[in-house]
PDB file of N, CA and C in Angstrom:
ATOM      1  N   UNK A   1     164.532  42.838 130.551  1.00  0.00           N
ATOM      2  CA  UNK A   1     164.315  42.421 129.180  1.00  0.00           C
ATOM      3  C   UNK A   1     164.207  40.897 129.152  1.00  0.00           C
ATOM      4  N   UNK A   2     163.249  40.415 128.417  1.00  0.00           N
ATOM      5  CA  UNK A   2     163.071  38.977 128.218  1.00  0.00           C
ATOM      6  C   UNK A   2     163.147  38.712 126.723  1.00  0.00           C
ATOM      7  N   UNK A   3     163.945  37.744 126.349  1.00  0.00           N
ATOM      8  CA  UNK A   3     164.103  37.395 124.937  1.00  0.00           C
ATOM      9  C   UNK A   3     163.612  35.969 124.745  1.00  0.00           C
ATOM     10  N   UNK A   4     162.678  35.798 123.865  1.00  0.00           N
ATOM     11  CA  UNK A   4     162.147  34.472 123.527  1.00  0.00           C
ATOM     12  C   UNK A   4     162.986  33.892 122.388  1.00  0.00           C
ATOM     13  N   UNK A   5     163.125  32.573 122.368  1.00  0.00           N
ATOM     14  CA  UNK A   5     163.920  31.966 121.291  1.00  0.00           C
ATOM     15  C   UNK A   5     163.194  32.012 119.957  1.00  0.00           C
ATOM     16  N   UNK A   6     163.988  32.004 118.894  1.00  0.00           N
ATOM     17  CA  UNK A   6     163.435  31.876 117.555  1.00  0.00           C
ATOM     18  C   UNK A   6     163.083  30.412 117.320  1.00  0.00           C
ATOM     19  N   UNK A   7     162.561  30.118 116.161  1.00  0.00           N
ATOM     20  CA  UNK A   7     162.238  28.743 115.811  1.00  0.00           C
ATOM     21  C   UNK A   7     163.475  27.859 115.893  1.00  0.00           C
ATOM     22  N   UNK A   8     163.265  26.623 116.288  1.00  0.00           N
ATOM     23  CA  UNK A   8     164.350  25.653 116.353  1.00  0.00           C
ATOM     24  C   UNK A   8     164.637  25.133 114.950  1.00  0.00           C
ATOM     25  N   UNK A   9     165.931  25.063 114.609  1.00  0.00           N
ATOM     26  CA  UNK A   9     166.326  24.512 113.317  1.00  0.00           C
ATOM     27  C   UNK A   9     167.153  23.252 113.538  1.00  0.00           C
ATOM     28  N   UNK A  10     167.083  22.339 112.596  1.00  0.00           N
ATOM     29  CA  UNK A  10     167.869  21.114 112.645  1.00  0.00           C
ATOM     30  C   UNK A  10     169.090  21.278 111.760  1.00  0.00           C
ATOM     31  N   UNK A  11     170.247  20.938 112.293  1.00  0.00           N
ATOM     32  CA  UNK A  11     171.500  20.969 111.544  1.00  0.00           C
ATOM     33  C   UNK A  11     172.067  19.556 111.543  1.00  0.00           C
ATOM     34  N   UNK A  12     172.341  19.032 110.375  1.00  0.00           N
ATOM     35  CA  UNK A  12     172.862  17.665 110.272  1.00  0.00           C
ATOM     36  C   UNK A  12     174.361  17.687 110.007  1.00  0.00           C
ATOM     37  N   UNK A  13     175.059  16.770 110.674  1.00  0.00           N
ATOM     38  CA  UNK A  13     176.498  16.572 110.462  1.00  0.00           C
ATOM     39  C   UNK A  13     177.275  17.884 110.582  1.00  0.00           C
ATOM     40  N   UNK A  14     176.976  18.643 111.638  1.00  0.00           N
ATOM     41  CA  UNK A  14     177.556  19.988 111.847  1.00  0.00           C
ATOM     42  C   UNK A  14     179.075  19.923 111.933  1.00  0.00           C
ATOM     43  N   UNK A  15     179.745  20.695 111.134  1.00  0.00           N
ATOM     44  CA  UNK A  15     181.218  20.752 111.067  1.00  0.00           C
ATOM     45  C   UNK A  15     181.822  19.358 110.881  1.00  0.00           C
ATOM     46  N   UNK A  16     181.150  18.505 110.115  1.00  0.00           N
ATOM     47  CA  UNK A  16     181.643  17.162 109.859  1.00  0.00           C
ATOM     48  C   UNK A  16     181.318  16.174 110.964  1.00  0.00           C
ATOM     49  N   UNK A  17     180.497  16.587 111.932  1.00  0.00           N
ATOM     50  CA  UNK A  17     180.063  15.681 112.989  1.00  0.00           C
ATOM     51  C   UNK A  17     179.044  14.692 112.459  1.00  0.00           C
ATOM     52  N   UNK A  18     178.423  13.939 113.374  1.00  0.00           N
ATOM     53  CA  UNK A  18     177.456  12.910 112.989  1.00  0.00           C
ATOM     54  C   UNK A  18     176.103  13.203 113.616  1.00  0.00           C
ATOM     55  N   UNK A  19     175.057  12.908 112.864  1.00  0.00           N
ATOM     56  CA  UNK A  19     173.707  13.031 113.391  1.00  0.00           C
ATOM     57  C   UNK A  19     173.195  14.457 113.368  1.00  0.00           C
ATOM     58  N   UNK A  20     172.092  14.667 114.099  1.00  0.00           N
ATOM     59  CA  UNK A  20     171.408  15.957 114.100  1.00  0.00           C
ATOM     60  C   UNK A  20     171.593  16.698 115.411  1.00  0.00           C
ATOM     61  N   UNK A  21     171.728  18.020 115.284  1.00  0.00           N
ATOM     62  CA  UNK A  21     171.631  18.895 116.448  1.00  0.00           C
ATOM     63  C   UNK A  21     170.485  19.859 116.158  1.00  0.00           C
ATOM     64  N   UNK A  22     169.867  20.340 117.220  1.00  0.00           N
ATOM     65  CA  UNK A  22     168.742  21.252 117.104  1.00  0.00           C
ATOM     66  C   UNK A  22     169.124  22.541 117.824  1.00  0.00           C
ATOM     67  N   UNK A  23     168.980  23.659 117.128  1.00  0.00           N
ATOM     68  CA  UNK A  23     169.476  24.935 117.628  1.00  0.00           C
ATOM     69  C   UNK A  23     168.368  25.981 117.647  1.00  0.00           C
ATOM     70  N   UNK A  24     168.234  26.660 118.796  1.00  0.00           N
ATOM     71  CA  UNK A  24     167.316  27.789 118.944  1.00  0.00           C
ATOM     72  C   UNK A  24     168.138  29.015 119.278  1.00  0.00           C
ATOM     73  N   UNK A  25     167.946  30.085 118.516  1.00  0.00           N
ATOM     74  CA  UNK A  25     168.712  31.307 118.705  1.00  0.00           C
ATOM     75  C   UNK A  25     167.968  32.276 119.613  1.00  0.00           C
ATOM     76  N   UNK A  26     168.688  32.804 120.608  1.00  0.00           N
ATOM     77  CA  UNK A  26     168.133  33.812 121.508  1.00  0.00           C
ATOM     78  C   UNK A  26     168.648  35.200 121.158  1.00  0.00           C
ATOM     79  N   UNK A  27     169.930  35.300 120.856  1.00  0.00           N
ATOM     80  CA  UNK A  27     170.552  36.585 120.553  1.00  0.00           C
ATOM     81  C   UNK A  27     171.394  36.423 119.303  1.00  0.00           C
ATOM     82  N   UNK A  28     171.274  37.398 118.403  1.00  0.00           N
ATOM     83  CA  UNK A  28     172.066  37.419 117.184  1.00  0.00           C
ATOM     84  C   UNK A  28     173.075  38.564 117.261  1.00  0.00           C
ATOM     85  N   UNK A  29     174.039  38.540 116.374  1.00  0.00           N
ATOM     86  CA  UNK A  29     175.171  39.476 116.409  1.00  0.00           C
ATOM     87  C   UNK A  29     174.756  40.943 116.486  1.00  0.00           C
ATOM     88  N   UNK A  30     173.734  41.338 115.772  1.00  0.00           N
ATOM     89  CA  UNK A  30     173.351  42.744 115.749  1.00  0.00           C
ATOM     90  C   UNK A  30     172.559  43.172 116.985  1.00  0.00           C
ATOM     91  N   UNK A  31     172.170  42.244 117.854  1.00  0.00           N
ATOM     92  CA  UNK A  31     171.345  42.579 119.020  1.00  0.00           C
ATOM     93  C   UNK A  31     172.109  43.303 120.128  1.00  0.00           C
ATOM     94  N   UNK A  32     173.331  42.844 120.426  1.00  0.00           N
ATOM     95  CA  UNK A  32     174.121  43.403 121.528  1.00  0.00           C
ATOM     96  C   UNK A  32     175.583  43.471 121.140  1.00  0.00           C
ATOM     97  N   UNK A  33     176.243  44.523 121.519  1.00  0.00           N
ATOM     98  CA  UNK A  33     177.664  44.658 121.244  1.00  0.00           C
ATOM     99  C   UNK A  33     178.451  43.651 122.075  1.00  0.00           C
ATOM    100  N   UNK A  34     179.357  42.945 121.435  1.00  0.00           N
ATOM    101  CA  UNK A  34     180.226  42.014 122.126  1.00  0.00           C
ATOM    102  C   UNK A  34     179.704  40.592 122.208  1.00  0.00           C
ATOM    103  N   UNK A  35     178.425  40.365 121.895  1.00  0.00           N
ATOM    104  CA  UNK A  35     177.861  39.015 121.897  1.00  0.00           C
ATOM    105  C   UNK A  35     177.389  38.714 120.479  1.00  0.00           C
ATOM    106  N   UNK A  36     177.939  37.670 119.895  1.00  0.00           N
ATOM    107  CA  UNK A  36     177.546  37.320 118.518  1.00  0.00           C
ATOM    108  C   UNK A  36     176.303  36.457 118.487  1.00  0.00           C
ATOM    109  N   UNK A  37     176.234  35.455 119.392  1.00  0.00           N
ATOM    110  CA  UNK A  37     175.077  34.555 119.416  1.00  0.00           C
ATOM    111  C   UNK A  37     174.931  33.946 120.800  1.00  0.00           C
ATOM    112  N   UNK A  38     173.687  33.679 121.166  1.00  0.00           N
ATOM    113  CA  UNK A  38     173.364  32.841 122.312  1.00  0.00           C
ATOM    114  C   UNK A  38     172.393  31.794 121.787  1.00  0.00           C
ATOM    115  N   UNK A  39     172.783  30.536 121.893  1.00  0.00           N
ATOM    116  CA  UNK A  39     172.014  29.442 121.314  1.00  0.00           C
ATOM    117  C   UNK A  39     171.712  28.383 122.356  1.00  0.00           C
ATOM    118  N   UNK A  40     170.523  27.816 122.301  1.00  0.00           N
ATOM    119  CA  UNK A  40     170.211  26.601 123.043  1.00  0.00           C
ATOM    120  C   UNK A  40     170.355  25.467 122.040  1.00  0.00           C
ATOM    121  N   UNK A  41     171.179  24.486 122.377  1.00  0.00           N
ATOM    122  CA  UNK A  41     171.487  23.406 121.435  1.00  0.00           C
ATOM    123  C   UNK A  41     171.206  22.064 122.084  1.00  0.00           C
ATOM    124  N   UNK A  42     170.605  21.182 121.296  1.00  0.00           N
ATOM    125  CA  UNK A  42     170.377  19.807 121.740  1.00  0.00           C
ATOM    126  C   UNK A  42     171.011  18.869 120.725  1.00  0.00           C
ATOM    127  N   UNK A  43     171.908  18.013 121.196  1.00  0.00           N
ATOM    128  CA  UNK A  43     172.498  16.980 120.354  1.00  0.00           C
ATOM    129  C   UNK A  43     171.698  15.711 120.584  1.00  0.00           C
ATOM    130  N   UNK A  44     171.178  15.117 119.505  1.00  0.00           N
ATOM    131  CA  UNK A  44     170.442  13.876 119.676  1.00  0.00           C
ATOM    132  C   UNK A  44     171.398  12.791 120.175  1.00  0.00           C
ATOM    133  N   UNK A  45     170.844  11.660 120.600  1.00  0.00           N
ATOM    134  CA  UNK A  45     171.664  10.563 121.115  1.00  0.00           C
ATOM    135  C   UNK A  45     172.794  10.235 120.141  1.00  0.00           C
ATOM    136  N   UNK A  46     174.014  10.207 120.660  1.00  0.00           N
ATOM    137  CA  UNK A  46     175.236   9.837 119.927  1.00  0.00           C
ATOM    138  C   UNK A  46     175.589  10.777 118.772  1.00  0.00           C
ATOM    139  N   UNK A  47     174.981  11.958 118.724  1.00  0.00           N
ATOM    140  CA  UNK A  47     175.331  12.953 117.697  1.00  0.00           C
ATOM    141  C   UNK A  47     176.594  13.697 118.128  1.00  0.00           C
ATOM    142  N   UNK A  48     177.199  14.397 117.185  1.00  0.00           N
ATOM    143  CA  UNK A  48     178.415  15.148 117.505  1.00  0.00           C
ATOM    144  C   UNK A  48     178.487  16.435 116.695  1.00  0.00           C
ATOM    145  N   UNK A  49     179.261  17.367 117.237  1.00  0.00           N
ATOM    146  CA  UNK A  49     179.660  18.579 116.522  1.00  0.00           C
ATOM    147  C   UNK A  49     181.129  18.358 116.180  1.00  0.00           C
ATOM    148  N   UNK A  50     181.446  18.362 114.905  1.00  0.00           N
ATOM    149  CA  UNK A  50     182.805  18.058 114.467  1.00  0.00           C
ATOM    150  C   UNK A  50     183.835  19.071 114.941  1.00  0.00           C
ATOM    151  N   UNK A  51     185.056  18.624 114.995  1.00  0.00           N
ATOM    152  CA  UNK A  51     186.191  19.443 115.417  1.00  0.00           C
ATOM    153  C   UNK A  51     186.373  20.591 114.430  1.00  0.00           C
ATOM    154  N   UNK A  52     186.352  21.815 114.926  1.00  0.00           N
ATOM    155  CA  UNK A  52     186.472  22.996 114.070  1.00  0.00           C
ATOM    156  C   UNK A  52     187.152  24.122 114.838  1.00  0.00           C
ATOM    157  N   UNK A  53     187.665  25.094 114.098  1.00  0.00           N
ATOM    158  CA  UNK A  53     188.427  26.192 114.689  1.00  0.00           C
ATOM    159  C   UNK A  53     187.596  27.467 114.758  1.00  0.00           C
ATOM    160  N   UNK A  54     187.789  28.221 115.832  1.00  0.00           N
ATOM    161  CA  UNK A  54     187.196  29.553 115.980  1.00  0.00           C
ATOM    162  C   UNK A  54     188.267  30.580 115.636  1.00  0.00           C
ATOM    163  N   UNK A  55     188.207  31.089 114.429  1.00  0.00           N
ATOM    164  CA  UNK A  55     189.230  32.012 113.944  1.00  0.00           C
ATOM    165  C   UNK A  55     188.983  33.429 114.451  1.00  0.00           C
ATOM    166  N   UNK A  56     187.720  33.877 114.395  1.00  0.00           N
ATOM    167  CA  UNK A  56     187.415  35.273 114.700  1.00  0.00           C
ATOM    168  C   UNK A  56     186.621  35.493 115.981  1.00  0.00           C
ATOM    169  N   UNK A  57     186.345  34.430 116.732  1.00  0.00           N
ATOM    170  CA  UNK A  57     185.532  34.601 117.929  1.00  0.00           C
ATOM    171  C   UNK A  57     185.874  33.544 118.977  1.00  0.00           C
ATOM    172  N   UNK A  58     185.254  33.677 120.131  1.00  0.00           N
ATOM    173  CA  UNK A  58     185.398  32.718 121.223  1.00  0.00           C
ATOM    174  C   UNK A  58     184.020  32.147 121.517  1.00  0.00           C
ATOM    175  N   UNK A  59     183.983  31.038 122.278  1.00  0.00           N
ATOM    176  CA  UNK A  59     182.707  30.386 122.564  1.00  0.00           C
ATOM    177  C   UNK A  59     182.755  29.705 123.924  1.00  0.00           C
ATOM    178  N   UNK A  60     181.612  29.660 124.564  1.00  0.00           N
ATOM    179  CA  UNK A  60     181.446  28.915 125.808  1.00  0.00           C
ATOM    180  C   UNK A  60     180.293  27.943 125.614  1.00  0.00           C
ATOM    181  N   UNK A  61     180.505  26.682 125.954  1.00  0.00           N
ATOM    182  CA  UNK A  61     179.436  25.691 126.036  1.00  0.00           C
ATOM    183  C   UNK A  61     179.113  25.523 127.520  1.00  0.00           C
ATOM    184  N   UNK A  62     177.858  25.659 127.890  1.00  0.00           N
ATOM    185  CA  UNK A  62     177.423  25.346 129.257  1.00  0.00           C
ATOM    186  C   UNK A  62     176.484  24.156 129.147  1.00  0.00           C
ATOM    187  N   UNK A  63     176.916  23.020 129.684  1.00  0.00           N
ATOM    188  CA  UNK A  63     176.139  21.781 129.594  1.00  0.00           C
ATOM    189  C   UNK A  63     174.993  21.848 130.604  1.00  0.00           C
ATOM    190  N   UNK A  64     173.775  21.693 130.102  1.00  0.00           N
ATOM    191  CA  UNK A  64     172.585  21.765 130.941  1.00  0.00           C
ATOM    192  C   UNK A  64     172.112  20.370 131.346  1.00  0.00           C
ATOM    193  N   UNK A  65     172.227  19.429 130.422  1.00  0.00           N
ATOM    194  CA  UNK A  65     171.713  18.087 130.659  1.00  0.00           C
ATOM    195  C   UNK A  65     172.455  17.101 129.778  1.00  0.00           C
ATOM    196  N   UNK A  66     172.727  15.927 130.305  1.00  0.00           N
ATOM    197  CA  UNK A  66     173.363  14.872 129.534  1.00  0.00           C
ATOM    198  C   UNK A  66     174.853  14.760 129.815  1.00  0.00           C
ATOM    199  N   UNK A  67     175.472  13.848 129.086  1.00  0.00           N
ATOM    200  CA  UNK A  67     176.905  13.599 129.221  1.00  0.00           C
ATOM    201  C   UNK A  67     177.520  13.463 127.836  1.00  0.00           C
ATOM    202  N   UNK A  68     178.788  13.797 127.756  1.00  0.00           N
ATOM    203  CA  UNK A  68     179.474  13.676 126.484  1.00  0.00           C
ATOM    204  C   UNK A  68     180.963  13.776 126.652  1.00  0.00           C
ATOM    205  N   UNK A  69     181.619  13.970 125.539  1.00  0.00           N
ATOM    206  CA  UNK A  69     183.069  14.169 125.519  1.00  0.00           C
ATOM    207  C   UNK A  69     183.359  15.428 124.714  1.00  0.00           C
ATOM    208  N   UNK A  70     184.064  16.344 125.353  1.00  0.00           N
ATOM    209  CA  UNK A  70     184.484  17.591 124.724  1.00  0.00           C
ATOM    210  C   UNK A  70     185.874  17.378 124.157  1.00  0.00           C
ATOM    211  N   UNK A  71     186.033  17.659 122.866  1.00  0.00           N
ATOM    212  CA  UNK A  71     187.352  17.584 122.242  1.00  0.00           C
ATOM    213  C   UNK A  71     187.987  18.957 122.360  1.00  0.00           C
ATOM    214  N   UNK A  72     188.998  19.045 123.199  1.00  0.00           N
ATOM    215  CA  UNK A  72     189.643  20.320 123.516  1.00  0.00           C
ATOM    216  C   UNK A  72     190.620  20.727 122.413  1.00  0.00           C
ATOM    217  N   UNK A  73     191.202  21.901 122.568  1.00  0.00           N
ATOM    218  CA  UNK A  73     192.101  22.445 121.548  1.00  0.00           C
ATOM    219  C   UNK A  73     193.333  21.575 121.316  1.00  0.00           C
ATOM    220  N   UNK A  74     193.671  20.734 122.287  1.00  0.00           N
ATOM    221  CA  UNK A  74     194.806  19.818 122.114  1.00  0.00           C
ATOM    222  C   UNK A  74     194.403  18.531 121.399  1.00  0.00           C
ATOM    223  N   UNK A  75     193.110  18.436 121.005  1.00  0.00           N
ATOM    224  CA  UNK A  75     192.614  17.262 120.297  1.00  0.00           C
ATOM    225  C   UNK A  75     192.153  16.144 121.205  1.00  0.00           C
ATOM    226  N   UNK A  76     192.427  16.264 122.505  1.00  0.00           N
ATOM    227  CA  UNK A  76     192.066  15.213 123.460  1.00  0.00           C
ATOM    228  C   UNK A  76     190.592  15.310 123.846  1.00  0.00           C
ATOM    229  N   UNK A  77     189.968  14.150 124.060  1.00  0.00           N
ATOM    230  CA  UNK A  77     188.584  14.083 124.502  1.00  0.00           C
ATOM    231  C   UNK A  77     188.532  14.052 126.022  1.00  0.00           C
ATOM    232  N   UNK A  78     187.648  14.890 126.588  1.00  0.00           N
ATOM    233  CA  UNK A  78     187.516  14.997 128.040  1.00  0.00           C
ATOM    234  C   UNK A  78     186.043  14.881 128.401  1.00  0.00           C
ATOM    235  N   UNK A  79     185.706  14.089 129.429  1.00  0.00           N
ATOM    236  CA  UNK A  79     184.296  13.913 129.790  1.00  0.00           C
ATOM    237  C   UNK A  79     183.674  15.209 130.305  1.00  0.00           C
ATOM    238  N   UNK A  80     182.412  15.448 129.904  1.00  0.00           N
ATOM    239  CA  UNK A  80     181.655  16.609 130.373  1.00  0.00           C
ATOM    240  C   UNK A  80     180.248  16.160 130.748  1.00  0.00           C
ATOM    241  N   UNK A  81     179.638  16.925 131.649  1.00  0.00           N
ATOM    242  CA  UNK A  81     178.279  16.637 132.075  1.00  0.00           C
ATOM    243  C   UNK A  81     177.614  17.884 132.605  1.00  0.00           C
ATOM    244  N   UNK A  82     176.429  17.704 133.132  1.00  0.00           N
ATOM    245  CA  UNK A  82     175.603  18.795 133.630  1.00  0.00           C
ATOM    246  C   UNK A  82     176.411  19.741 134.523  1.00  0.00           C
ATOM    247  N   UNK A  83     176.322  21.047 134.204  1.00  0.00           N
ATOM    248  CA  UNK A  83     176.992  22.078 134.986  1.00  0.00           C
ATOM    249  C   UNK A  83     178.367  22.467 134.489  1.00  0.00           C
ATOM    250  N   UNK A  84     178.955  21.668 133.604  1.00  0.00           N
ATOM    251  CA  UNK A  84     180.297  21.986 133.094  1.00  0.00           C
ATOM    252  C   UNK A  84     180.241  23.110 132.058  1.00  0.00           C
ATOM    253  N   UNK A  85     181.289  23.933 132.050  1.00  0.00           N
ATOM    254  CA  UNK A  85     181.469  24.966 131.031  1.00  0.00           C
ATOM    255  C   UNK A  85     182.747  24.648 130.258  1.00  0.00           C
ATOM    256  N   UNK A  86     182.635  24.632 128.951  1.00  0.00           N
ATOM    257  CA  UNK A  86     183.772  24.409 128.071  1.00  0.00           C
ATOM    258  C   UNK A  86     184.082  25.752 127.415  1.00  0.00           C
ATOM    259  N   UNK A  87     185.311  26.208 127.552  1.00  0.00           N
ATOM    260  CA  UNK A  87     185.699  27.521 127.046  1.00  0.00           C
ATOM    261  C   UNK A  87     186.631  27.350 125.854  1.00  0.00           C
ATOM    262  N   UNK A  88     186.263  27.984 124.742  1.00  0.00           N
ATOM    263  CA  UNK A  88     187.042  27.950 123.522  1.00  0.00           C
ATOM    264  C   UNK A  88     187.433  29.390 123.208  1.00  0.00           C
ATOM    265  N   UNK A  89     188.707  29.690 123.228  1.00  0.00           N
ATOM    266  CA  UNK A  89     189.136  31.062 122.962  1.00  0.00           C
ATOM    267  C   UNK A  89     189.487  31.233 121.482  1.00  0.00           C
ATOM    268  N   UNK A  90     189.540  32.476 121.066  1.00  0.00           N
ATOM    269  CA  UNK A  90     189.834  32.820 119.680  1.00  0.00           C
ATOM    270  C   UNK A  90     191.084  32.086 119.205  1.00  0.00           C
ATOM    271  N   UNK A  91     190.968  31.418 118.065  1.00  0.00           N
ATOM    272  CA  UNK A  91     192.083  30.677 117.494  1.00  0.00           C
ATOM    273  C   UNK A  91     192.095  29.204 117.850  1.00  0.00           C
ATOM    274  N   UNK A  92     191.337  28.803 118.869  1.00  0.00           N
ATOM    275  CA  UNK A  92     191.329  27.402 119.287  1.00  0.00           C
ATOM    276  C   UNK A  92     190.315  26.586 118.484  1.00  0.00           C
ATOM    277  N   UNK A  93     190.500  25.283 118.527  1.00  0.00           N
ATOM    278  CA  UNK A  93     189.585  24.335 117.896  1.00  0.00           C
ATOM    279  C   UNK A  93     188.912  23.493 118.968  1.00  0.00           C
ATOM    280  N   UNK A  94     187.764  22.914 118.613  1.00  0.00           N
ATOM    281  CA  UNK A  94     187.045  22.057 119.558  1.00  0.00           C
ATOM    282  C   UNK A  94     185.980  21.255 118.834  1.00  0.00           C
ATOM    283  N   UNK A  95     185.438  20.262 119.529  1.00  0.00           N
ATOM    284  CA  UNK A  95     184.317  19.454 119.062  1.00  0.00           C
ATOM    285  C   UNK A  95     183.591  18.903 120.277  1.00  0.00           C
ATOM    286  N   UNK A  96     182.452  18.262 120.065  1.00  0.00           N
ATOM    287  CA  UNK A  96     181.661  17.709 121.166  1.00  0.00           C
ATOM    288  C   UNK A  96     180.913  16.477 120.688  1.00  0.00           C
ATOM    289  N   UNK A  97     180.922  15.423 121.501  1.00  0.00           N
ATOM    290  CA  UNK A  97     180.233  14.176 121.189  1.00  0.00           C
ATOM    291  C   UNK A  97     179.270  13.851 122.322  1.00  0.00           C
ATOM    292  N   UNK A  98     178.019  13.561 121.972  1.00  0.00           N
ATOM    293  CA  UNK A  98     177.063  13.043 122.949  1.00  0.00           C
ATOM    294  C   UNK A  98     177.311  11.546 123.040  1.00  0.00           C
ATOM    295  N   UNK A  99     177.735  11.073 124.192  1.00  0.00           N
ATOM    296  CA  UNK A  99     178.084   9.663 124.366  1.00  0.00           C
ATOM    297  C   UNK A  99     176.923   8.828 124.905  1.00  0.00           C
ATOM    298  N   UNK A 100     175.764   9.429 125.083  1.00  0.00           N
ATOM    299  CA  UNK A 100     174.647   8.764 125.740  1.00  0.00           C
ATOM    300  C   UNK A 100     173.509   8.420 124.773  1.00  0.00           C
ATOM    301  N   UNK A 101     172.559   7.634 125.273  1.00  0.00           N
ATOM    302  CA  UNK A 101     171.357   7.266 124.520  1.00  0.00           C
ATOM    303  C   UNK A 101     170.253   8.301 124.669  1.00  0.00           C
ATOM    304  N   UNK A 102     170.530   9.381 125.366  1.00  0.00           N
ATOM    305  CA  UNK A 102     169.575  10.469 125.578  1.00  0.00           C
ATOM    306  C   UNK A 102     170.189  11.763 125.058  1.00  0.00           C
ATOM    307  N   UNK A 103     169.367  12.797 124.806  1.00  0.00           N
ATOM    308  CA  UNK A 103     169.904  14.055 124.284  1.00  0.00           C
ATOM    309  C   UNK A 103     170.876  14.738 125.260  1.00  0.00           C
ATOM    310  N   UNK A 104     171.817  15.485 124.708  1.00  0.00           N
ATOM    311  CA  UNK A 104     172.693  16.365 125.463  1.00  0.00           C
ATOM    312  C   UNK A 104     172.225  17.786 125.172  1.00  0.00           C
ATOM    313  N   UNK A 105     171.913  18.554 126.206  1.00  0.00           N
ATOM    314  CA  UNK A 105     171.430  19.920 126.023  1.00  0.00           C
ATOM    315  C   UNK A 105     172.451  20.897 126.580  1.00  0.00           C
ATOM    316  N   UNK A 106     172.629  22.013 125.880  1.00  0.00           N
ATOM    317  CA  UNK A 106     173.600  23.017 126.319  1.00  0.00           C
ATOM    318  C   UNK A 106     173.223  24.387 125.793  1.00  0.00           C
ATOM    319  N   UNK A 107     173.842  25.395 126.383  1.00  0.00           N
ATOM    320  CA  UNK A 107     173.790  26.754 125.863  1.00  0.00           C
ATOM    321  C   UNK A 107     175.154  27.040 125.254  1.00  0.00           C
ATOM    322  N   UNK A 108     175.159  27.693 124.107  1.00  0.00           N
ATOM    323  CA  UNK A 108     176.400  28.113 123.463  1.00  0.00           C
ATOM    324  C   UNK A 108     176.372  29.639 123.378  1.00  0.00           C
ATOM    325  N   UNK A 109     177.421  30.248 123.887  1.00  0.00           N
ATOM    326  CA  UNK A 109     177.551  31.707 123.848  1.00  0.00           C
ATOM    327  C   UNK A 109     178.773  32.017 122.999  1.00  0.00           C
ATOM    328  N   UNK A 110     178.552  32.711 121.903  1.00  0.00           N
ATOM    329  CA  UNK A 110     179.636  33.050 120.980  1.00  0.00           C
ATOM    330  C   UNK A 110     179.864  34.557 121.077  1.00  0.00           C
ATOM    331  N   UNK A 111     181.132  34.916 121.326  1.00  0.00           N
ATOM    332  CA  UNK A 111     181.461  36.334 121.527  1.00  0.00           C
ATOM    333  C   UNK A 111     182.793  36.668 120.893  1.00  0.00           C
TER     334      UNK A 111
END
């Protein structure tokens, strides 16, 4: 099975973050049991996803390109880059900041 992405949408100041992120959806909640979403996300230079809590689901960020700082559930910022996976379990909070002058690209899997 091959799934093509839907149209890319721009989200500004996501969860109280700064700047624009661009999101393309590959899988939606009704497509497969146990997977809510699979998204390709690009944070523009110095954009961020604000610190927010996952009450009913878990999420994985897989960094494809770029560098940034992942705000973990303890509130601390930790450097991330290409190849890193950030795991957010149900009930935890997190955020992400692109610290570079170039886009940060990642896949987000919400389950």
